[in-house]
Amino acid sequence: MKKNVELLKIYKKIKKDIVKRIKEFERNGKNMTDMELLYELFFCLLTPQSKATLCWSSVERIKEEGERVLNEKEKIKGCLYGVRFPNNKSKYIHHFYNEKFSKENFFEELKKIESNFDKREFLVKNVKGMGYKEATHFLRNIGYGKDLAILDRHILKNLKEYYIIKNIPSSISRKRYIEIEEDMRKFSKKLNIPLEHLDFVLWYKERGFIFK
């Protein structure tokens, strides 16, 4: 199929960069402090319907301001420039920092879970505002993304274009997310591109670069 050839060409072009980036995620994830993991989680909470570059800039502002801003929702909100739904997202950040991070060994508990799938379930269950896409994104960025798919709007658009799904859902239930992920997994096997690499390929096809 002609479209599949296009993806394979992209993959050949950027495969080394993908492998390098995933190794960076794995290496960094092992060495990240709890504060670094915290900021990475904030980034993933901010990304729904927002540009990744603006989300990371917002996290950098929170880091510059220091932990003192994390005790007040309005101060967190003041750091979120260009991020959609700042009211809700500032609440999610505030809740996680004050109710989970400050009171529990949250990331230690996460690391104890063996399966990446179970890690994702733990995140969705315990982090307010975090769905399956955001949880998968976070896990990928800290080195636990093997055989998981980040089903963001760019990926879903391409899955429709390649006839993997019929329609782009306005919202995705747990059941539907796992179904689409499995369909994407089958597609990745057909292309002989690892699932965690295919995310990067489809993103690159849309945006022309590799980001977080």
Foldseek 3Di string as FASTA:
>chain_A
DVVLVVLVVLCVVCVVVLVVQLVVLQVCLVVDDPVRLLLLLLLLLQPAVFDSVQSNQLSVQDVVVDPVLLCDLVSSLVSRPRTPPSNVSSVQSSCCVPPPVVPHPVVVVLVVDDALVVSLVVCCVPRPSDDSLSSLSSCSNNNRNFLFANDGPLNLVVCCVVVLDVDDDPDADPVRRVVSSVSLCVVCVVSVHGRSVSNQSSVCVVVVDGDD
